[in-house]
Amino acid sequence: MTKVTKIDNSFYLSQQPRGTTGSNLGKDEFLKILMAQLQNQDPLNPMEDKEFVSQMASFSSLEQMTNMSSSMDRLVNSQTISPVLQYSHLIGKEVSYNRYDEETGQVIETPTSEVTAVSQSDGKAILELSNGEKIYADSVLKVSSPSSD
């Protein structure tokens, strides 16, 4: 009798690397394909005007979409504000925040202090306070005008 062995999982097709779809053609590749078609066409049966116009319209649309995409990227980048600028209006204001017990994580008090400076670390705004502490801007519970004593 013949002995049957178990098939190793690495032989399954689902684990084989898959190719990417061809939808990622850029305008340079499109032009290369179009030029190859024009150079290699049958001189006795050249490409019809309608086909050529259709391909040029497709190229024009592709180029416009590429330009629009890069314009949108520039717009998004220009709208991004530095965390320092975003929170600089808090300088001179009083902020309230929670102080936590390091062991239990419970709130032990909610101090209030004046913001003296704003800095950033890893893309997050850090408020420097008059009491010497530094807190993340997203931990602020309340913002108020300083009390006049």
Foldseek 3Di string as FASTA:
>chain_A
DDDDDDDDPVPDPVPDDDDDDPPPDALVNLVVVVVVLQVPPDPVDHDDPVVVVVSVVVSVVRVVVVVVVVVVVVVVVVPDDQQQVVCVVQAQKKFWFFDADPPPRDTPDIDIFGFHGWDDDPRWIWTQTPVRDIDTPVRTDDIGHDDDD
